[in-house]
Amino acid sequence: MVDILQRFGIAAEPHQVYESLTTLDGLSSWWTRDVTGDPTPGGTIEFTFGGPDRTVRVEVSSAVPDEQVIWRCVHGPDEWLDTTMEFELQATETETVVRFAHAGWREPVEFMGHCTTKWASFLLGLKNGLEAGQATPFPADPHISSWDDPQPGAAAA
């Protein structure tokens, strides 16, 4: 199994970052504007990227206030099924360090490279949103390849 790993700092308090990961308003501010569901532990969140065939659904496995959020993918691209997305938060004197892992990929396929870049883009949007109010959730996110174009049967990262 292989993982996507990201690490970055946000000049914001851990509770602000945590809220961006655990509320529908927070999630829609940085990943996609079309978010529904229950973001509490045991709940399911649905993220749509331009159409019903471009939907990711995650189960909230864990949420420890100001420290950690873990999701498990239950619907989405085949490569994502049963993978986990983990956000670990650590306060320092100057920032909240976020360690992100999209873990459990069965193999390092080409789509994983696309998703690595898209995760970096969206997570930098989370950072920019909290620091400067300038996040770029879907559909305002940077276009990186034709895989970002809505296609029947395709899903976005």
Protein backbone atom coordinates (compact mmCIF):
# COMPACT_ATOMS: atom_id res chain seq x y z
CA MET A 1 0.00 0.00 0.00
CA VAL A 2 1.14 3.54 -0.75
CA ASP A 3 0.15 6.93 0.65
CA ILE A 4 -0.05 10.57 -0.35
CA LEU A 5 1.63 12.68 2.34
CA GLN A 6 1.53 16.46 2.81
CA ARG A 7 2.85 18.73 5.59
CA PHE A 8 2.30 22.47 5.91
CA GLY A 9 1.77 25.20 8.50
CA ILE A 10 -1.21 27.52 8.87
CA ALA A 11 -1.00 30.80 10.77
CA ALA A 12 -4.23 30.04 12.64
CA GLU A 13 -5.27 28.42 15.90
CA PRO A 14 -5.88 24.64 15.88
CA HIS A 15 -9.60 25.11 16.60
CA GLN A 16 -9.95 27.23 13.43
CA VAL A 17 -8.29 24.52 11.33
CA TYR A 18 -10.36 21.84 13.06
CA GLU A 19 -13.59 23.72 12.27
CA SER A 20 -12.56 23.87 8.61
CA LEU A 21 -12.35 20.06 8.66
CA THR A 22 -15.42 19.26 10.77
CA THR A 23 -18.21 21.61 9.69
CA LEU A 24 -20.06 21.76 6.38
CA ASP A 25 -19.34 25.49 6.09
CA GLY A 26 -15.66 24.89 6.82
CA LEU A 27 -15.35 22.06 4.31
CA SER A 28 -17.15 23.99 1.58
CA SER A 29 -14.72 26.87 2.10
CA TRP A 30 -11.69 24.94 0.78
CA TRP A 31 -12.48 21.59 -0.97
CA THR A 32 -15.76 21.89 -2.89
CA ARG A 33 -18.68 24.21 -2.41
CA ASP A 34 -21.11 21.27 -2.77
CA VAL A 35 -20.91 19.47 0.58
CA THR A 36 -23.71 17.68 2.42
CA GLY A 37 -24.03 15.22 5.27
CA ASP A 38 -23.05 14.75 8.88
CA PRO A 39 -19.42 15.70 9.67
CA THR A 40 -19.48 14.21 13.19
CA PRO A 41 -17.85 10.85 14.10
CA GLY A 42 -19.91 8.02 12.62
CA GLY A 43 -21.49 10.38 10.11
CA THR A 44 -21.09 10.46 6.35
CA ILE A 45 -20.09 13.49 4.27
CA GLU A 46 -20.70 13.78 0.51
CA PHE A 47 -18.50 16.01 -1.66
CA THR A 48 -19.67 16.69 -5.23
CA PHE A 49 -17.40 18.04 -7.96
CA GLY A 50 -19.75 19.19 -10.73
CA GLY A 51 -22.16 16.28 -11.04
CA PRO A 52 -23.56 13.14 -9.42
CA ASP A 53 -20.98 10.98 -11.20
CA ARG A 54 -18.22 13.09 -9.61
CA THR A 55 -19.00 12.47 -5.95
CA VAL A 56 -16.84 11.33 -3.05
CA ARG A 57 -18.50 10.04 0.11
CA VAL A 58 -16.52 9.57 3.31
CA GLU A 59 -17.38 8.13 6.67
CA VAL A 60 -16.04 10.16 9.59
CA SER A 61 -14.00 7.57 11.50
CA SER A 62 -12.60 9.89 14.14
CA ALA A 63 -12.55 13.54 15.17
CA VAL A 64 -10.47 14.63 18.16
CA PRO A 65 -11.03 18.36 18.73
CA ASP A 66 -8.07 20.48 17.64
CA GLU A 67 -5.90 17.37 17.07
CA GLN A 68 -7.08 14.92 14.42
CA VAL A 69 -9.74 14.07 11.83
CA ILE A 70 -9.92 10.74 9.98
CA TRP A 71 -12.22 9.86 7.08
CA ARG A 72 -12.66 6.56 5.22
CA CYS A 73 -13.76 6.67 1.58
CA VAL A 74 -16.95 4.64 1.05
CA HIS A 75 -17.87 5.96 -2.43
CA GLY A 76 -15.82 7.58 -5.17
CA PRO A 77 -13.10 6.64 -7.61
CA ASP A 78 -12.24 2.93 -7.43
CA GLU A 79 -8.68 3.81 -6.38
CA TRP A 80 -10.06 5.70 -3.35
CA LEU A 81 -12.40 3.04 -1.98
CA ASP A 82 -11.44 2.04 1.57
CA THR A 83 -8.57 4.54 1.65
CA THR A 84 -8.35 6.93 4.59
CA MET A 85 -7.76 10.65 4.73
CA GLU A 86 -6.12 11.75 7.96
CA PHE A 87 -5.50 15.29 9.16
CA GLU A 88 -3.22 15.60 12.19
CA LEU A 89 -2.99 19.06 13.79
CA GLN A 90 -0.14 20.22 16.02
CA ALA A 91 0.07 23.67 17.58
CA THR A 92 3.42 25.42 17.64
CA GLU A 93 4.25 28.91 18.86
CA THR A 94 3.66 30.41 15.41
CA GLU A 95 1.30 28.10 13.49
CA THR A 96 -0.76 24.96 13.37
CA VAL A 97 1.16 22.24 11.58
CA VAL A 98 -1.07 20.00 9.46
CA ARG A 99 0.11 16.54 8.52
CA PHE A 100 -2.17 15.06 5.88
CA ALA A 101 -2.18 11.48 4.62
CA HIS A 102 -4.40 9.95 1.97
CA ALA A 103 -3.46 6.41 2.95
CA GLY A 104 -4.05 2.90 1.77
CA TRP A 105 -3.80 3.18 -2.00
CA ARG A 106 -3.46 -0.34 -3.41
CA GLU A 107 -0.76 0.74 -5.89
CA PRO A 108 0.89 3.95 -7.15
CA VAL A 109 -1.20 4.44 -10.30
CA GLU A 110 -1.07 7.54 -12.52
CA PHE A 111 -4.31 8.86 -10.95
CA MET A 112 -2.44 8.98 -7.63
CA GLY A 113 -0.04 11.53 -9.13
CA HIS A 114 -2.99 13.67 -10.20
CA CYS A 115 -4.56 13.39 -6.74
CA THR A 116 -1.27 14.28 -5.03
CA THR A 117 -1.19 17.56 -6.94
CA LYS A 118 -4.91 18.25 -6.38
CA TRP A 119 -4.62 17.56 -2.64
CA ALA A 120 -1.69 20.00 -2.45
CA SER A 121 -3.75 22.61 -4.29
CA PHE A 122 -6.82 22.19 -2.09
CA LEU A 123 -4.79 22.08 1.13
CA LEU A 124 -2.96 25.27 0.15
CA GLY A 125 -6.44 26.69 -0.41
CA LEU A 126 -7.32 25.70 3.17
CA LYS A 127 -4.18 27.54 4.33
CA ASN A 128 -4.85 30.60 2.16
CA GLY A 129 -8.48 30.71 3.22
CA LEU A 130 -7.66 30.77 6.92
CA GLU A 131 -4.73 33.16 6.57
CA ALA A 132 -6.01 35.58 3.93
CA GLY A 133 -9.60 34.67 3.09
CA GLN A 134 -8.55 33.50 -0.39
CA ALA A 135 -9.37 29.79 -0.66
CA THR A 136 -10.14 28.20 -4.03
CA PRO A 137 -12.64 25.36 -3.50
CA PHE A 138 -14.04 23.53 -6.53
CA PRO A 139 -15.05 24.91 -9.02
CA ALA A 140 -12.61 27.81 -8.45
CA ASP A 141 -9.61 25.46 -7.96
CA PRO A 142 -6.65 25.55 -10.35
CA HIS A 143 -7.11 23.38 -13.44
CA ILE A 144 -4.14 21.00 -13.67
CA SER A 145 -5.11 18.59 -16.47
CA SER A 146 -7.97 17.27 -18.59
CA TRP A 147 -8.87 15.01 -15.66
CA ASP A 148 -10.27 18.15 -14.02
CA ASP A 149 -12.82 18.50 -16.84
CA PRO A 150 -16.27 17.10 -16.10
CA GLN A 151 -16.59 13.80 -17.96
CA PRO A 152 -19.26 11.12 -17.70
CA GLY A 153 -18.06 8.53 -15.20
CA ALA A 154 -15.08 10.58 -13.99
CA ALA A 155 -14.51 11.73 -10.41
CA ALA A 156 -12.41 14.64 -9.20
CA ALA A 157 -9.96 14.68 -6.33
